[in-house]
Every structure is written in structure tokens, then in C-alpha cells.
Amino acid sequence: MGKLYINLKRLKIEFLILILYIPFFKPGYFSQIQIIDTLYMILYIFSLFCTLAMVLNRIIRNGYGINSSNLFATTYSIVLVLSSLINDVEVIRAINESVRVIGVFLLTDMIIRRYTKTFLNVISRLFVVLSLINIVLMLIYPDGMYLNIQKEIVRDNLYGAWYSNNDFLGFQNNHIFYYIPAILFTYIKEKLSGNERKNNYICMSLICYGAVIYRFKAGTIISMTIFLGLLILTSERSMCIFLNALSYLVANIVLFVSIVMLRIQRIFSWLIVKILHKDLTLTNRTGIWDEALNSIKKNLLLGCGYENAKVVVAKLGYNSTHSHYLWVLYRGGILQLAIFIWYLVKISKDMFRARRNRIVQATACAVCAILIAWQTEAITSATIFFILAFAYHAPRIEWEVTCNESCSSD
């Protein structure tokens, strides 16, 4: 009976963790179905209340000291809301986005410390299931499951309409932000279990990479190739001298300055034009970046805040800056970018110190791939911030698993 009780208790904890995380990782297709969308909103509110209750409980019982990850999420979000207030733009939407970011950071901090192994089991299964559902439906609906049609009036003229074929997980460039965690957490589970055969990790990698090639989005192909390539290279521990979190961060900074600021993509014309079938404007991204930089210069310290999509389109010719780093500058100015860079440096330094740890190596590879994807995309989904939240805890994962197991045995 004792064994049955423990199993039931574990199942209840796994189910609760699943319910708390599901609303943060909502597939885009569910936004098209009102009943399901409403259900997700209810779960999201429930998750926020539970997270707040856990935080308050820890404060009352132990005195909760804020760590670097939660400090980042809070200050990063406050700047966006403050900028939106000063610029008198979409304050409510800024608050909504900020609550989502803070929520996923706090929830991860609350769960991962106490239920580390259970957390890894639930998260790996969740991302694997979502990824596999998307891939299967992608084969059933090769032209996408639904269209995202937008029309905007720009400078007294109809700017036009763009029709985006979306899959189960939503915007096709957003898929890798589910695929990468699915591979990462499958890999971590196998390392913690001592399974060196790595069959599940390899199978998941092949399936997800095949799906990326099938959709053939240049940015996602590059990011996924780099992620898997780094995972393979860092399997040899001697490579961590050159391939580590700090070297990845430096490479991303150099890449941003080179491509977005200096525009040296002509050097890679053989790759961009001949292999990826893109032009050297990167599908007009360079024009959008120019408009974004002009707007950033006018609001350098705190940015323009969270603007309505129509306002952004009127200023940039698109509904975002098409680069997350410019997006941070555009909306939150130098102040928000400084907070963002501080956190990246913080987690990179922590992972560098533990660079010989396989779990840390894999997490650093995932963060690197996400930062590369962000060079030409401005996607602010909770899945991305979840990986950044997890990266803070990655160097302590094995210790926390051991600690949790010893506490359970006591």
C-alpha cells in the first residue's frame, strides 16, 4: 500500500505540474477555437494564482530571496511597462506580456528546486507530444492548418496583405522553439538516467530536423543545424574549451553586429542565395532594420513601449523589427537591452564554470540556437523565456535531483 501511495502521489504532482505549464505553451491553432482558447485562459489564470501562492508560501515559511533569474524577469518586464506608460501606448498589453514572462520564470523557480526529476519528466513529455502532434498534422495538412491574414493601412495606402500558412504550433518559424526543448529535455533525461544508448534523443533529433527541412524556413534550418551540430561536437568533452556558453554568447554578439548593423551578409551569398534561396535583403529584413534603427535613435533610453501593431507597421513596414535584439531596443530602449545582456552574461558565466557537465553543455547549445534564431526573428513566446529560465538552473540540476531523491528517501 505504501508503494501504491507513493506512485499516486507522484502522479498527482506530475499532473499538477502539467496543468501549471500547459497554458504557457499553447499551440497557435488553439487560439482559432474559442472554447479551447477560453479553457486555456482559465488554466493560465489558475497557473498564475498557484504560482503566486507558492511564492507567498515560501516567503512566509523560509523567507524567499530573489535570485538572478527572477530579478531579470521582473526588471526586464518593468521597463517595458514603464516605457509603455511614458509613451502612452498599449499599457495593458505590456502588462499581459510582462506577467507571462514573470510567471514562467517564477513557476520554473518554484517547481524545479523541489521536484527536479518530476519537472524534467513532465516537461520532456509535454514538448515531445506537442512536437510530434505538429509534425503529424504537418504531413496531413502540407499547406498548413489555417491562414493568418492581416491588412494594414500605411501612409494613406493599403500596405497590403500577407497570408501566413500556420501549423498546429502556429507560425512556422516558431516551431523550433518547441523542437529544441523536446530534444534538449529528452537528452537530459537520458543523461540523468545513465542511458548512454541515446536512442530516444537521436530519434527525436532526426524527426524534428526532418520536419524543419520539410518546411524549409531558412532561419529555422540554420538554428536547428547549429543546435544539433553543437550537441554532436560537445559530446567530446575536450571541445568545451572552445565550445561553451561564453563563446556562444560572444559569437551571437559578433553575428548581430555583423549582420544587422554592418550588413556583411554578402560574404555568405553562396549560402543565403544558392542554398537557402533567399535574397541578400533577407526577405526585406534589412529595410525593416533600417526603419527600426531610425525609430530607436529617437527613443534611445526607454524605447517606444508596447505599440499597437498598426502603429508598428506604419513605422517599420512590418509588425515587428524582425530581430529580437532590435525589438528589445525598439520597445524598451538601452535600459531593457542592458538588463537582457546582463542576464545572458550571468547565465553564460554560470554555465561556463560547469562547462564539462553534459547537461550544461546541451543547455548552452539550446540557448545558442535560440539566440541565433532571434537574430532575424522577434518572437516573444513563453517557450523561449522558459528555456532562458531553465538555463539559470542547469548547472545545479544534477545536485538538485540528488538532493530531492535523498529528501524523498528520508
Protein backbone atom coordinates (compact mmCIF):
# COMPACT_ATOMS: atom_id res chain seq x y z
CA MET A 1 0.00 0.00 0.00
CA GLY A 2 2.91 2.31 0.79
CA LYS A 3 4.33 1.86 -2.71
CA LEU A 4 0.93 2.49 -4.28
CA TYR A 5 0.57 5.68 -2.22
CA ILE A 6 3.95 6.98 -3.40
CA ASN A 7 3.05 6.27 -7.04
CA LEU A 8 -0.29 8.01 -6.70
CA LYS A 9 1.37 10.98 -5.04
CA ARG A 10 3.90 11.21 -7.85
CA LEU A 11 1.14 11.06 -10.46
CA LYS A 12 -0.72 13.88 -8.72
CA ILE A 13 2.40 16.02 -8.68
CA GLU A 14 3.11 15.29 -12.35
CA PHE A 15 -0.47 16.15 -13.29
CA LEU A 16 -0.34 19.42 -11.34
CA ILE A 17 2.96 20.45 -12.95
CA LEU A 18 1.48 19.63 -16.36
CA ILE A 19 -1.62 21.74 -15.68
CA LEU A 20 0.51 24.65 -14.46
CA TYR A 21 2.76 24.67 -17.56
CA ILE A 22 0.28 23.84 -20.33
CA PRO A 23 -1.21 27.37 -20.63
CA PHE A 24 2.26 28.88 -21.20
CA PHE A 25 2.89 26.64 -24.21
CA LYS A 26 -0.43 26.96 -26.02
CA PRO A 27 -0.26 25.81 -29.69
CA GLY A 28 -1.21 28.59 -32.08
CA TYR A 29 -4.04 26.58 -33.62
CA PHE A 30 -5.96 26.53 -30.34
CA SER A 31 -6.27 30.32 -30.50
CA GLN A 32 -8.54 29.79 -33.50
CA ILE A 33 -11.04 27.71 -31.46
CA GLN A 34 -12.88 29.92 -28.98
CA ILE A 35 -13.86 27.20 -26.49
CA ILE A 36 -10.32 25.83 -26.24
CA ASP A 37 -8.85 29.34 -26.16
CA THR A 38 -11.15 30.20 -23.23
CA LEU A 39 -10.17 26.99 -21.44
CA TYR A 40 -6.51 27.89 -21.83
CA MET A 41 -7.18 31.32 -20.38
CA ILE A 42 -8.84 29.74 -17.33
CA LEU A 43 -5.86 27.41 -16.90
CA TYR A 44 -3.50 30.36 -17.31
CA ILE A 45 -5.20 32.34 -14.53
CA PHE A 46 -5.21 29.21 -12.35
CA SER A 47 -1.49 28.73 -13.02
CA LEU A 48 -0.71 32.34 -12.09
CA PHE A 49 -2.67 32.08 -8.82
CA CYS A 50 -0.93 28.80 -7.92
CA THR A 51 2.47 30.31 -8.71
CA LEU A 52 1.69 33.34 -6.56
CA ALA A 53 0.52 31.05 -3.73
CA MET A 54 3.77 29.05 -3.90
CA VAL A 55 5.85 32.22 -3.81
CA LEU A 56 3.92 33.60 -0.82
CA ASN A 57 4.19 30.25 0.96
CA ARG A 58 7.95 30.22 0.50
CA ILE A 59 8.23 33.83 1.73
CA ILE A 60 6.18 33.05 4.87
CA ARG A 61 7.94 29.77 5.68
CA ASN A 62 11.54 30.36 4.61
CA GLY A 63 11.93 33.97 3.58
CA TYR A 64 12.17 33.96 -0.19
CA GLY A 65 15.30 35.65 -1.50
CA ILE A 66 15.01 36.81 -5.10
CA ASN A 67 17.58 35.20 -7.39
CA SER A 68 19.12 36.48 -10.63
CA SER A 69 16.58 34.81 -12.92
CA ASN A 70 13.57 36.31 -11.15
CA LEU A 71 15.33 39.67 -10.84
CA PHE A 72 15.86 39.64 -14.60
CA ALA A 73 12.25 38.73 -15.40
CA THR A 74 10.92 41.43 -13.07
CA THR A 75 13.18 44.32 -14.11
CA TYR A 76 13.02 43.38 -17.80
CA SER A 77 9.22 43.47 -17.63
CA ILE A 78 9.00 46.64 -15.52
CA VAL A 79 10.99 48.56 -18.14
CA LEU A 80 8.54 47.53 -20.88
CA VAL A 81 5.54 48.62 -18.80
CA LEU A 82 7.26 51.86 -17.76
CA SER A 83 8.15 52.69 -21.36
CA SER A 84 4.58 51.99 -22.44
CA LEU A 85 3.25 54.32 -19.72
CA ILE A 86 5.64 57.15 -20.65
CA ASN A 87 4.85 56.81 -24.36
CA ASP A 88 1.10 56.41 -23.67
CA VAL A 89 0.74 53.26 -25.77
CA GLU A 90 -0.62 49.74 -25.12
CA VAL A 91 -0.03 49.53 -21.35
CA ILE A 92 -2.49 46.66 -20.74
CA ARG A 93 -0.84 44.51 -23.40
CA ALA A 94 2.57 45.37 -21.99
CA ILE A 95 1.37 44.20 -18.56
CA ASN A 96 -0.06 40.99 -20.05
CA GLU A 97 3.24 40.14 -21.74
CA SER A 98 5.18 41.05 -18.60
CA VAL A 99 3.01 38.86 -16.37
CA ARG A 100 3.58 35.94 -18.75
CA VAL A 101 7.36 36.38 -18.64
CA ILE A 102 7.50 36.79 -14.85
CA GLY A 103 5.03 33.91 -14.43
CA VAL A 104 7.09 31.36 -16.37
CA PHE A 105 10.28 32.39 -14.53
CA LEU A 106 8.69 32.20 -11.07
CA LEU A 107 6.90 28.93 -11.82
CA THR A 108 10.10 27.32 -13.04
CA ASP A 109 11.98 28.52 -9.98
CA MET A 110 9.29 27.16 -7.64
CA ILE A 111 8.95 23.74 -9.31
CA ILE A 112 12.47 22.88 -10.38
CA ARG A 113 14.02 23.22 -6.93
CA ARG A 114 11.61 20.90 -5.15
CA TYR A 115 10.52 18.47 -7.88
CA THR A 116 13.52 18.47 -10.24
CA LYS A 117 13.23 14.97 -11.67
CA THR A 118 9.44 15.12 -11.92
CA PHE A 119 9.72 18.51 -13.59
CA LEU A 120 12.12 17.10 -16.22
CA ASN A 121 9.83 14.11 -16.88
CA VAL A 122 6.73 16.26 -17.36
CA ILE A 123 8.42 18.94 -19.47
CA SER A 124 10.15 16.46 -21.77
CA ARG A 125 6.91 14.56 -22.42
CA LEU A 126 4.95 17.78 -22.95
CA PHE A 127 7.32 19.16 -25.59
CA VAL A 128 7.75 15.79 -27.29
CA VAL A 129 3.97 15.30 -27.56
CA LEU A 130 3.37 18.85 -28.85
CA SER A 131 6.19 18.48 -31.39
CA LEU A 132 5.02 15.08 -32.65
CA ILE A 133 1.41 16.25 -32.97
CA ASN A 134 2.60 19.22 -35.00
CA ILE A 135 4.73 17.04 -37.28
CA VAL A 136 1.95 14.51 -37.91
CA LEU A 137 -0.58 17.28 -38.68
CA MET A 138 2.01 18.96 -40.88
CA LEU A 139 2.06 15.85 -43.05
CA ILE A 140 -1.74 15.66 -43.10
CA TYR A 141 -2.05 19.39 -43.91
CA PRO A 142 1.03 20.18 -46.04
CA ASP A 143 -0.27 23.68 -46.83
CA GLY A 144 -0.88 24.50 -43.17
CA MET A 145 -3.94 24.23 -40.95
CA TYR A 146 -5.07 27.85 -41.04
CA LEU A 147 -4.25 31.23 -42.58
CA ASN A 148 -3.20 34.34 -40.73
CA ILE A 149 -4.42 37.23 -42.88
CA GLN A 150 -3.52 40.79 -41.97
CA LYS A 151 -4.25 44.05 -43.78
CA GLU A 152 -2.98 47.40 -42.65
CA ILE A 153 -3.35 50.99 -43.87
CA VAL A 154 0.09 52.55 -44.14
CA ARG A 155 0.73 56.16 -45.15
CA ASP A 156 -2.81 56.53 -46.55
CA ASN A 157 -2.40 53.47 -48.76
CA LEU A 158 -3.29 49.82 -48.34
CA TYR A 159 0.03 48.37 -47.25
CA GLY A 160 -1.12 45.01 -48.49
CA ALA A 161 -1.99 41.65 -47.05
CA TRP A 162 0.26 38.80 -46.09
CA TYR A 163 -1.04 35.29 -45.84
CA SER A 164 0.86 33.08 -43.45
CA ASN A 165 0.25 29.34 -43.54
CA ASN A 166 0.30 28.18 -39.93
CA ASP A 167 0.57 24.70 -38.47
CA PHE A 168 -0.67 23.27 -35.17
CA LEU A 169 2.05 25.07 -33.21
CA GLY A 170 1.33 28.28 -35.08
CA PHE A 171 3.72 30.43 -37.10
CA GLN A 172 6.13 28.11 -38.90
CA ASN A 173 9.25 29.98 -37.76
CA ASN A 174 8.06 29.33 -34.18
CA HIS A 175 8.27 25.53 -34.46
CA ILE A 176 11.89 25.17 -33.39
CA PHE A 177 11.09 26.78 -30.04
CA TYR A 178 9.17 23.57 -29.34
CA TYR A 179 11.51 21.18 -31.18
CA ILE A 180 14.66 22.36 -29.40
CA PRO A 181 13.19 21.83 -25.87
CA ALA A 182 11.82 18.44 -26.95
CA ILE A 183 15.31 17.31 -27.97
CA LEU A 184 17.04 19.03 -25.05
CA PHE A 185 14.92 17.53 -22.28
CA THR A 186 14.93 14.08 -23.89
CA TYR A 187 18.73 14.32 -23.90
CA ILE A 188 18.84 15.47 -20.26
CA LYS A 189 16.52 12.68 -19.11
CA GLU A 190 18.75 10.07 -20.75
CA LYS A 191 21.88 11.55 -19.18
CA LEU A 192 20.35 11.57 -15.71
CA SER A 193 19.08 8.00 -16.10
CA GLY A 194 22.54 6.82 -17.19
CA ASN A 195 21.19 5.60 -20.53
CA GLU A 196 24.18 6.01 -22.87
CA ARG A 197 22.42 4.43 -25.85
CA LYS A 198 20.63 7.75 -26.52
CA ASN A 199 18.07 6.14 -28.83
CA ASN A 200 15.20 8.48 -27.90
CA TYR A 201 17.36 11.59 -28.19
CA ILE A 202 18.68 10.55 -31.60
CA CYS A 203 15.21 9.61 -32.89
CA MET A 204 13.72 12.90 -31.69
CA SER A 205 16.58 14.83 -33.27
CA LEU A 206 16.11 13.14 -36.65
CA ILE A 207 12.33 13.60 -36.61
CA CYS A 208 12.49 17.29 -35.68
CA TYR A 209 15.30 18.05 -38.12
CA GLY A 210 13.35 16.31 -40.88
CA ALA A 211 10.31 18.46 -40.04
CA VAL A 212 12.42 21.63 -40.24
CA ILE A 213 13.81 20.61 -43.64
CA TYR A 214 10.27 19.76 -44.79
CA ARG A 215 9.02 23.29 -44.04
CA PHE A 216 12.31 24.77 -45.33
CA LYS A 217 12.42 28.04 -43.41
CA ALA A 218 15.97 29.39 -43.72
CA GLY A 219 16.29 30.73 -40.17
CA THR A 220 14.95 27.58 -38.54
CA ILE A 221 17.20 25.34 -40.65
CA ILE A 222 20.29 27.33 -39.62
CA SER A 223 19.32 27.38 -35.91
CA MET A 224 18.45 23.68 -35.75
CA THR A 225 21.59 22.70 -37.68
CA ILE A 226 23.75 24.69 -35.27
CA PHE A 227 21.97 23.22 -32.23
CA LEU A 228 22.38 19.61 -33.33
CA GLY A 229 25.89 20.24 -34.66
CA LEU A 230 27.00 21.69 -31.34
CA LEU A 231 25.39 18.80 -29.44
CA ILE A 232 27.41 16.34 -31.51
CA LEU A 233 30.67 18.29 -31.23
CA THR A 234 30.40 18.82 -27.47
CA SER A 235 29.92 15.09 -26.89
CA GLU A 236 33.73 15.17 -26.91
CA ARG A 237 34.49 16.88 -23.61
CA SER A 238 37.78 18.38 -24.81
CA MET A 239 35.75 20.59 -27.18
CA CYS A 240 34.25 22.51 -24.25
CA ILE A 241 37.44 24.58 -24.15
CA PHE A 242 36.32 26.22 -27.40
CA LEU A 243 32.60 25.45 -27.48
CA ASN A 244 30.92 26.73 -24.34
CA ALA A 245 28.27 29.20 -23.20
CA LEU A 246 30.60 32.22 -23.20
CA SER A 247 31.97 31.54 -26.69
CA TYR A 248 28.40 31.09 -27.95
CA LEU A 249 27.38 34.46 -26.45
CA VAL A 250 30.37 36.25 -28.00
CA ALA A 251 29.60 34.62 -31.37
CA ASN A 252 25.99 35.83 -31.19
CA ILE A 253 27.06 39.39 -30.37
CA VAL A 254 29.52 39.37 -33.28
CA LEU A 255 26.83 37.93 -35.55
CA PHE A 256 24.34 40.66 -34.58
CA VAL A 257 26.84 43.45 -35.21
CA SER A 258 27.97 41.86 -38.49
CA ILE A 259 24.58 41.03 -39.99
CA VAL A 260 22.12 43.51 -38.50
CA MET A 261 24.39 46.51 -38.06
CA LEU A 262 27.22 46.15 -40.63
CA ARG A 263 25.31 44.03 -43.22
CA ILE A 264 28.17 41.75 -44.25
CA GLN A 265 25.77 39.02 -45.42
CA ARG A 266 27.19 39.39 -48.94
CA ILE A 267 30.08 37.25 -47.74
CA PHE A 268 27.57 34.43 -47.22
CA SER A 269 25.75 34.92 -50.53
CA TRP A 270 26.65 31.35 -51.52
CA LEU A 271 24.65 30.10 -48.54
CA ILE A 272 21.83 32.69 -48.50
CA VAL A 273 21.09 32.79 -52.23
CA LYS A 274 22.22 29.45 -53.66
CA ILE A 275 21.31 27.08 -50.82
CA LEU A 276 18.60 28.79 -48.76
CA HIS A 277 17.06 30.56 -51.79
CA LYS A 278 16.84 33.96 -50.08
CA ASP A 279 17.93 37.35 -51.35
CA LEU A 280 20.61 39.46 -49.65
CA THR A 281 17.96 41.68 -48.05
CA LEU A 282 16.92 38.53 -46.12
CA THR A 283 13.32 38.87 -47.34
CA ASN A 284 13.34 42.67 -46.85
CA ARG A 285 14.58 42.39 -43.27
CA THR A 286 17.38 44.88 -43.93
CA GLY A 287 14.82 47.56 -44.88
CA ILE A 288 12.85 46.86 -41.70
CA TRP A 289 16.05 47.06 -39.63
CA ASP A 290 16.87 50.48 -41.15
CA GLU A 291 13.43 51.83 -40.20
CA ALA A 292 13.74 50.31 -36.72
CA LEU A 293 17.15 51.88 -36.13
CA ASN A 294 15.79 55.29 -37.14
CA SER A 295 12.96 54.96 -34.61
CA ILE A 296 15.31 53.67 -31.90
CA LYS A 297 17.54 56.76 -32.23
CA LYS A 298 14.56 58.95 -31.33
CA ASN A 299 13.77 56.99 -28.13
CA LEU A 300 17.16 55.62 -27.17
CA LEU A 301 16.86 55.30 -23.37
CA LEU A 302 13.41 53.72 -22.84
CA GLY A 303 12.25 52.91 -26.38
CA CYS A 304 8.75 53.29 -27.79
CA GLY A 305 6.95 50.89 -25.47
CA TYR A 306 4.38 48.28 -26.47
CA GLU A 307 2.76 49.84 -29.56
CA ASN A 308 -0.32 48.72 -31.44
CA ALA A 309 0.53 46.51 -34.43
CA LYS A 310 -0.89 49.10 -36.85
CA VAL A 311 1.43 51.75 -35.44
CA VAL A 312 4.43 49.45 -35.76
CA VAL A 313 3.54 48.56 -39.35
CA ALA A 314 3.14 52.23 -40.23
CA LYS A 315 6.62 52.99 -38.86
CA LEU A 316 8.54 49.90 -39.93
CA GLY A 317 6.55 48.37 -42.78
CA TYR A 318 6.11 45.20 -40.72
CA ASN A 319 4.58 44.27 -37.37
CA SER A 320 7.96 43.86 -35.63
CA THR A 321 11.65 44.69 -36.10
CA HIS A 322 12.33 41.13 -37.38
CA SER A 323 15.19 40.87 -34.87
CA HIS A 324 14.60 40.29 -31.18
CA TYR A 325 17.59 42.39 -30.15
CA LEU A 326 16.29 45.35 -32.15
CA TRP A 327 12.82 44.58 -30.77
CA VAL A 328 14.13 44.92 -27.22
CA LEU A 329 15.84 48.20 -28.16
CA TYR A 330 12.75 49.43 -30.01
CA ARG A 331 10.31 48.75 -27.17
CA GLY A 332 12.47 49.10 -24.05
CA GLY A 333 15.48 51.10 -25.19
CA ILE A 334 19.05 50.76 -23.96
CA LEU A 335 17.84 50.13 -20.41
CA GLN A 336 15.92 46.96 -21.28
CA LEU A 337 18.69 45.77 -23.61
CA ALA A 338 21.25 46.25 -20.81
CA ILE A 339 19.12 44.10 -18.46
CA PHE A 340 18.75 41.47 -21.18
CA ILE A 341 22.52 41.37 -21.87
CA TRP A 342 23.28 41.26 -18.13
CA TYR A 343 21.16 38.13 -17.72
CA LEU A 344 22.70 36.46 -20.77
CA VAL A 345 26.17 37.16 -19.39
CA LYS A 346 25.11 35.86 -15.96
CA ILE A 347 23.78 32.51 -17.18
CA SER A 348 26.64 32.16 -19.68
CA LYS A 349 29.24 32.63 -16.92
CA ASP A 350 27.45 30.11 -14.67
CA MET A 351 27.27 27.55 -17.47
CA PHE A 352 30.89 28.22 -18.43
CA ARG A 353 32.03 27.30 -14.90
CA ALA A 354 30.18 23.97 -15.25
CA ARG A 355 31.08 23.53 -18.93
CA ARG A 356 32.24 19.90 -18.50
CA ASN A 357 28.76 18.90 -17.34
CA ARG A 358 26.84 17.27 -20.21
CA ILE A 359 23.51 18.78 -19.13
CA VAL A 360 25.03 22.25 -19.04
CA GLN A 361 26.67 21.70 -22.43
CA ALA A 362 23.34 20.72 -24.00
CA THR A 363 21.50 23.65 -22.40
CA ALA A 364 24.18 26.07 -23.63
CA CYS A 365 23.73 24.66 -27.15
CA ALA A 366 19.97 25.25 -26.91
CA VAL A 367 20.41 28.84 -25.69
CA CYS A 368 22.90 29.49 -28.51
CA ALA A 369 20.46 28.19 -31.14
CA ILE A 370 17.64 30.33 -29.74
CA LEU A 371 19.84 33.45 -29.72
CA ILE A 372 20.77 32.76 -33.34
CA ALA A 373 17.10 32.35 -34.29
CA TRP A 374 16.45 35.69 -32.57
CA GLN A 375 18.91 37.42 -34.91
CA THR A 376 16.27 37.57 -37.65
CA GLU A 377 13.05 36.95 -35.71
CA ALA A 378 11.26 38.88 -32.96
CA ILE A 379 9.24 36.07 -31.37
CA THR A 380 8.47 36.59 -27.68
CA SER A 381 6.73 33.32 -26.88
CA ALA A 382 6.83 31.87 -23.36
CA THR A 383 8.65 28.77 -24.65
CA ILE A 384 11.77 30.87 -25.33
CA PHE A 385 11.75 32.60 -21.96
CA PHE A 386 11.19 29.21 -20.35
CA ILE A 387 14.49 27.97 -21.83
CA LEU A 388 16.23 31.09 -20.52
CA ALA A 389 14.70 30.44 -17.09
CA PHE A 390 15.83 26.80 -17.17
CA ALA A 391 19.37 27.83 -18.22
CA TYR A 392 19.82 29.56 -14.87
CA HIS A 393 19.16 26.27 -13.04
CA ALA A 394 21.02 23.95 -15.47
CA PRO A 395 24.38 23.98 -13.60
CA ARG A 396 22.60 22.77 -10.44
CA ILE A 397 20.27 20.17 -11.99
CA GLU A 398 22.21 17.03 -11.05
CA TRP A 399 22.76 18.26 -7.48
CA GLU A 400 19.08 19.14 -7.10
CA VAL A 401 17.98 15.72 -8.40
CA THR A 402 20.28 14.01 -5.88
CA CYS A 403 19.07 16.31 -3.10
CA ASN A 404 15.39 15.71 -3.94
CA GLU A 405 15.89 11.92 -4.03
CA SER A 406 17.72 11.89 -0.68
CA CYS A 407 14.97 14.03 0.88
CA SER A 408 12.31 11.67 -0.51
CA SER A 409 14.10 8.63 0.89
CA ASP A 410 14.24 10.29 4.32
